[in-house]
PDB file of N, CA and C in Angstrom:
ATOM      1  N   MET A   1       0.819  -1.155  -0.058  1.00  0.00           N
ATOM      2  CA  MET A   1      -0.095  -0.013  -0.122  1.00  0.00           C
ATOM      3  C   MET A   1       1.057   1.235  -0.059  1.00  0.00           C
ATOM      4  N   LEU A   2       0.470   2.177  -0.615  1.00  0.00           N
ATOM      5  CA  LEU A   2       1.082   3.369  -0.952  1.00  0.00           C
ATOM      6  C   LEU A   2       0.319   4.710   0.328  1.00  0.00           C
ATOM      7  N   PRO A   3       1.258   4.849   1.525  1.00  0.00           N
ATOM      8  CA  PRO A   3       0.563   5.709   2.251  1.00  0.00           C
ATOM      9  C   PRO A   3       0.978   6.950   1.830  1.00  0.00           C
ATOM     10  N   GLY A   4       0.015   7.857   2.416  1.00  0.00           N
ATOM     11  CA  GLY A   4       0.181   9.232   1.944  1.00  0.00           C
ATOM     12  C   GLY A   4      -0.795   9.582   0.803  1.00  0.00           C
ATOM     13  N   THR A   5      -1.141   8.374   0.190  1.00  0.00           N
ATOM     14  CA  THR A   5      -2.148   8.878  -1.308  1.00  0.00           C
ATOM     15  C   THR A   5      -3.392   9.175  -0.821  1.00  0.00           C
ATOM     16  N   PRO A   6      -4.241   9.799  -1.680  1.00  0.00           N
ATOM     17  CA  PRO A   6      -5.603   9.782  -1.270  1.00  0.00           C
ATOM     18  C   PRO A   6      -6.481   9.003  -1.505  1.00  0.00           C
ATOM     19  N   ALA A   7      -5.973   7.719  -2.062  1.00  0.00           N
ATOM     20  CA  ALA A   7      -6.803   6.453  -1.831  1.00  0.00           C
ATOM     21  C   ALA A   7      -5.983   5.285  -1.909  1.00  0.00           C
ATOM     22  N   SER A   8      -6.521   4.396  -1.156  1.00  0.00           N
ATOM     23  CA  SER A   8      -5.553   3.125  -1.374  1.00  0.00           C
ATOM     24  C   SER A   8      -5.233   2.713  -2.725  1.00  0.00           C
ATOM     25  N   VAL A   9      -3.598   2.653  -2.826  1.00  0.00           N
ATOM     26  CA  VAL A   9      -3.279   2.034  -4.020  1.00  0.00           C
ATOM     27  C   VAL A   9      -2.271   1.029  -3.619  1.00  0.00           C
ATOM     28  N   LEU A  10      -2.300  -0.251  -4.573  1.00  0.00           N
ATOM     29  CA  LEU A  10      -1.670  -1.476  -4.307  1.00  0.00           C
ATOM     30  C   LEU A  10      -0.757  -1.695  -5.699  1.00  0.00           C
ATOM     31  N   LEU A  11       0.390  -1.626  -5.790  1.00  0.00           N
ATOM     32  CA  LEU A  11       1.291  -1.957  -6.738  1.00  0.00           C
ATOM     33  C   LEU A  11       1.627  -3.342  -7.014  1.00  0.00           C
ATOM     34  N   THR A  12       1.534  -4.313  -7.949  1.00  0.00           N
ATOM     35  CA  THR A  12       1.536  -5.612  -7.650  1.00  0.00           C
ATOM     36  C   THR A  12       2.520  -5.781  -9.500  1.00  0.00           C
ATOM     37  N   THR A  13       2.544  -6.941  -9.660  1.00  0.00           N
ATOM     38  CA  THR A  13       3.193  -7.426 -10.986  1.00  0.00           C
ATOM     39  C   THR A  13       2.046  -7.835 -11.934  1.00  0.00           C
ATOM     40  N   HIS A  14       2.237  -7.202 -12.852  1.00  0.00           N
ATOM     41  CA  HIS A  14       1.324  -7.725 -14.005  1.00  0.00           C
ATOM     42  C   HIS A  14       0.996  -9.358 -14.298  1.00  0.00           C
ATOM     43  N   PRO A  15       0.087  -9.942 -13.970  1.00  0.00           N
ATOM     44  CA  PRO A  15      -0.300 -11.330 -14.345  1.00  0.00           C
ATOM     45  C   PRO A  15       0.557 -12.029 -15.727  1.00  0.00           C
ATOM     46  N   SER A  16       0.611 -11.177 -16.484  1.00  0.00           N
ATOM     47  CA  SER A  16       1.410 -11.621 -17.723  1.00  0.00           C
ATOM     48  C   SER A  16       2.726 -11.917 -17.532  1.00  0.00           C
ATOM     49  N   ALA A  17       3.413 -11.416 -16.535  1.00  0.00           N
ATOM     50  CA  ALA A  17       4.882 -11.199 -16.205  1.00  0.00           C
ATOM     51  C   ALA A  17       4.998 -12.829 -15.463  1.00  0.00           C
ATOM     52  N   LEU A  18       3.979 -13.300 -14.682  1.00  0.00           N
ATOM     53  CA  LEU A  18       4.211 -14.616 -14.092  1.00  0.00           C
ATOM     54  C   LEU A  18       4.339 -15.745 -15.131  1.00  0.00           C
ATOM     55  N   LEU A  19       3.570 -15.488 -16.351  1.00  0.00           N
ATOM     56  CA  LEU A  19       3.436 -16.383 -17.452  1.00  0.00           C
ATOM     57  C   LEU A  19       4.819 -16.401 -18.164  1.00  0.00           C
ATOM     58  N   ARG A  20       5.513 -15.344 -18.200  1.00  0.00           N
ATOM     59  CA  ARG A  20       6.856 -15.166 -18.912  1.00  0.00           C
ATOM     60  C   ARG A  20       7.900 -15.799 -17.824  1.00  0.00           C
ATOM     61  N   VAL A  21       7.623 -15.983 -16.633  1.00  0.00           N
ATOM     62  CA  VAL A  21       8.845 -16.653 -15.869  1.00  0.00           C
ATOM     63  C   VAL A  21       8.431 -17.944 -15.533  1.00  0.00           C
ATOM     64  N   ARG A  22       7.182 -18.461 -16.055  1.00  0.00           N
ATOM     65  CA  ARG A  22       6.999 -19.816 -15.764  1.00  0.00           C
ATOM     66  C   ARG A  22       7.900 -20.988 -16.497  1.00  0.00           C
ATOM     67  N   GLY A  23       8.203 -21.761 -15.523  1.00  0.00           N
ATOM     68  CA  GLY A  23       9.160 -22.973 -15.844  1.00  0.00           C
ATOM     69  C   GLY A  23      10.494 -22.201 -15.368  1.00  0.00           C
ATOM     70  N   ARG A  24      10.754 -20.972 -14.665  1.00  0.00           N
ATOM     71  CA  ARG A  24      12.012 -20.650 -14.319  1.00  0.00           C
ATOM     72  C   ARG A  24      11.964 -20.669 -12.709  1.00  0.00           C
ATOM     73  N   PRO A  25      13.293 -20.775 -12.146  1.00  0.00           N
ATOM     74  CA  PRO A  25      13.461 -21.108 -10.804  1.00  0.00           C
ATOM     75  C   PRO A  25      12.871 -20.083 -10.044  1.00  0.00           C
ATOM     76  N   GLU A  26      12.746 -18.828 -10.612  1.00  0.00           N
ATOM     77  CA  GLU A  26      12.029 -17.442  -9.861  1.00  0.00           C
ATOM     78  C   GLU A  26      10.548 -17.608  -9.646  1.00  0.00           C
ATOM     79  N   TRP A  27       9.962 -18.516 -10.638  1.00  0.00           N
ATOM     80  CA  TRP A  27       8.696 -18.708 -10.762  1.00  0.00           C
ATOM     81  C   TRP A  27       7.810 -18.775  -9.205  1.00  0.00           C
ATOM     82  N   GLY A  28       8.123 -19.707  -8.436  1.00  0.00           N
ATOM     83  CA  GLY A  28       7.565 -20.007  -7.354  1.00  0.00           C
ATOM     84  C   GLY A  28       7.587 -18.709  -6.454  1.00  0.00           C
ATOM     85  N   ASP A  29       8.593 -17.925  -6.313  1.00  0.00           N
ATOM     86  CA  ASP A  29       8.736 -16.812  -5.957  1.00  0.00           C
ATOM     87  C   ASP A  29       7.916 -15.618  -6.079  1.00  0.00           C
ATOM     88  N   ALA A  30       7.692 -15.558  -7.507  1.00  0.00           N
ATOM     89  CA  ALA A  30       6.926 -14.390  -8.142  1.00  0.00           C
ATOM     90  C   ALA A  30       5.554 -14.708  -7.920  1.00  0.00           C
ATOM     91  N   LEU A  31       5.096 -16.228  -8.146  1.00  0.00           N
ATOM     92  CA  LEU A  31       3.706 -16.377  -7.758  1.00  0.00           C
ATOM     93  C   LEU A  31       3.348 -16.392  -6.345  1.00  0.00           C
ATOM     94  N   ALA A  32       4.348 -16.665  -5.590  1.00  0.00           N
ATOM     95  CA  ALA A  32       3.792 -16.070  -3.968  1.00  0.00           C
ATOM     96  C   ALA A  32       3.768 -14.795  -3.446  1.00  0.00           C
ATOM     97  N   ALA A  33       4.691 -14.164  -4.356  1.00  0.00           N
ATOM     98  CA  ALA A  33       4.406 -12.429  -4.018  1.00  0.00           C
ATOM     99  C   ALA A  33       3.126 -11.975  -4.589  1.00  0.00           C
ATOM    100  N   PHE A  34       2.666 -12.546  -5.890  1.00  0.00           N
ATOM    101  CA  PHE A  34       1.433 -12.013  -6.423  1.00  0.00           C
ATOM    102  C   PHE A  34       0.320 -12.516  -5.639  1.00  0.00           C
ATOM    103  N   VAL A  35       0.298 -13.604  -5.050  1.00  0.00           N
ATOM    104  CA  VAL A  35      -1.005 -14.276  -4.128  1.00  0.00           C
ATOM    105  C   VAL A  35      -0.919 -13.037  -2.936  1.00  0.00           C
ATOM    106  N   THR A  36       0.141 -13.047  -2.435  1.00  0.00           N
ATOM    107  CA  THR A  36       0.313 -12.201  -0.944  1.00  0.00           C
ATOM    108  C   THR A  36      -0.188 -10.582  -1.452  1.00  0.00           C
ATOM    109  N   ASP A  37       0.146 -10.220  -2.564  1.00  0.00           N
ATOM    110  CA  ASP A  37      -0.571  -8.703  -3.074  1.00  0.00           C
ATOM    111  C   ASP A  37      -1.755  -9.040  -3.361  1.00  0.00           C
ATOM    112  N   LEU A  38      -2.411 -10.018  -3.612  1.00  0.00           N
ATOM    113  CA  LEU A  38      -3.994 -10.253  -3.866  1.00  0.00           C
ATOM    114  C   LEU A  38      -4.359 -10.162  -2.533  1.00  0.00           C
ATOM    115  N   ARG A  39      -4.144 -11.082  -1.883  1.00  0.00           N
ATOM    116  CA  ARG A  39      -4.544 -11.183  -0.268  1.00  0.00           C
ATOM    117  C   ARG A  39      -4.703  -9.721   0.402  1.00  0.00           C
ATOM    118  N   THR A  40      -3.715  -9.178   0.371  1.00  0.00           N
ATOM    119  CA  THR A  40      -3.376  -7.655   0.516  1.00  0.00           C
ATOM    120  C   THR A  40      -4.328  -6.823   0.312  1.00  0.00           C
ATOM    121  N   ALA A  41      -4.788  -6.815  -1.042  1.00  0.00           N
ATOM    122  CA  ALA A  41      -5.746  -5.911  -1.746  1.00  0.00           C
ATOM    123  C   ALA A  41      -7.186  -6.476  -1.258  1.00  0.00           C
ATOM    124  N   ALA A  42      -7.390  -7.582  -0.793  1.00  0.00           N
ATOM    125  CA  ALA A  42      -8.800  -8.278  -0.545  1.00  0.00           C
ATOM    126  C   ALA A  42      -9.110  -7.955   0.713  1.00  0.00           C
ATOM    127  N   ASP A  43      -7.958  -7.935   1.602  1.00  0.00           N
ATOM    128  CA  ASP A  43      -8.404  -7.285   2.971  1.00  0.00           C
ATOM    129  C   ASP A  43      -8.490  -6.009   3.261  1.00  0.00           C
ATOM    130  N   ALA A  44      -7.667  -5.296   2.391  1.00  0.00           N
ATOM    131  CA  ALA A  44      -8.027  -3.890   2.109  1.00  0.00           C
ATOM    132  C   ALA A  44      -9.349  -3.396   1.784  1.00  0.00           C
ATOM    133  N   ALA A  45      -9.887  -4.298   1.069  1.00  0.00           N
ATOM    134  CA  ALA A  45     -11.224  -3.735   0.304  1.00  0.00           C
ATOM    135  C   ALA A  45     -12.393  -4.631   1.250  1.00  0.00           C
ATOM    136  N   GLY A  46     -11.818  -5.179   2.390  1.00  0.00           N
ATOM    137  CA  GLY A  46     -12.861  -5.953   3.036  1.00  0.00           C
ATOM    138  C   GLY A  46     -13.486  -7.408   2.614  1.00  0.00           C
ATOM    139  N   PHE A  47     -12.609  -8.026   1.149  1.00  0.00           N
ATOM    140  CA  PHE A  47     -13.117  -9.031   0.917  1.00  0.00           C
ATOM    141  C   PHE A  47     -12.643 -10.258   1.790  1.00  0.00           C
ATOM    142  N   THR A  48     -13.514 -11.186   2.102  1.00  0.00           N
ATOM    143  CA  THR A  48     -13.522 -12.458   2.933  1.00  0.00           C
ATOM    144  C   THR A  48     -13.742 -13.563   1.959  1.00  0.00           C
ATOM    145  N   ALA A  49     -12.749 -14.883   2.480  1.00  0.00           N
ATOM    146  CA  ALA A  49     -13.005 -16.019   1.506  1.00  0.00           C
ATOM    147  C   ALA A  49     -14.103 -16.851   2.044  1.00  0.00           C
TER     148      ALA A  49
END
């Protein structure tokens, strides 16, 4: 989240970037970071699973 902005903003990886690293050693870390970002956004928006 970017503090000090007038609205909540979350920057994350574009999903197509995950497709480009699929099959590489860094894919697992990239996917985990993306999922963490999605969970952060869902929590901030008040969504629950």
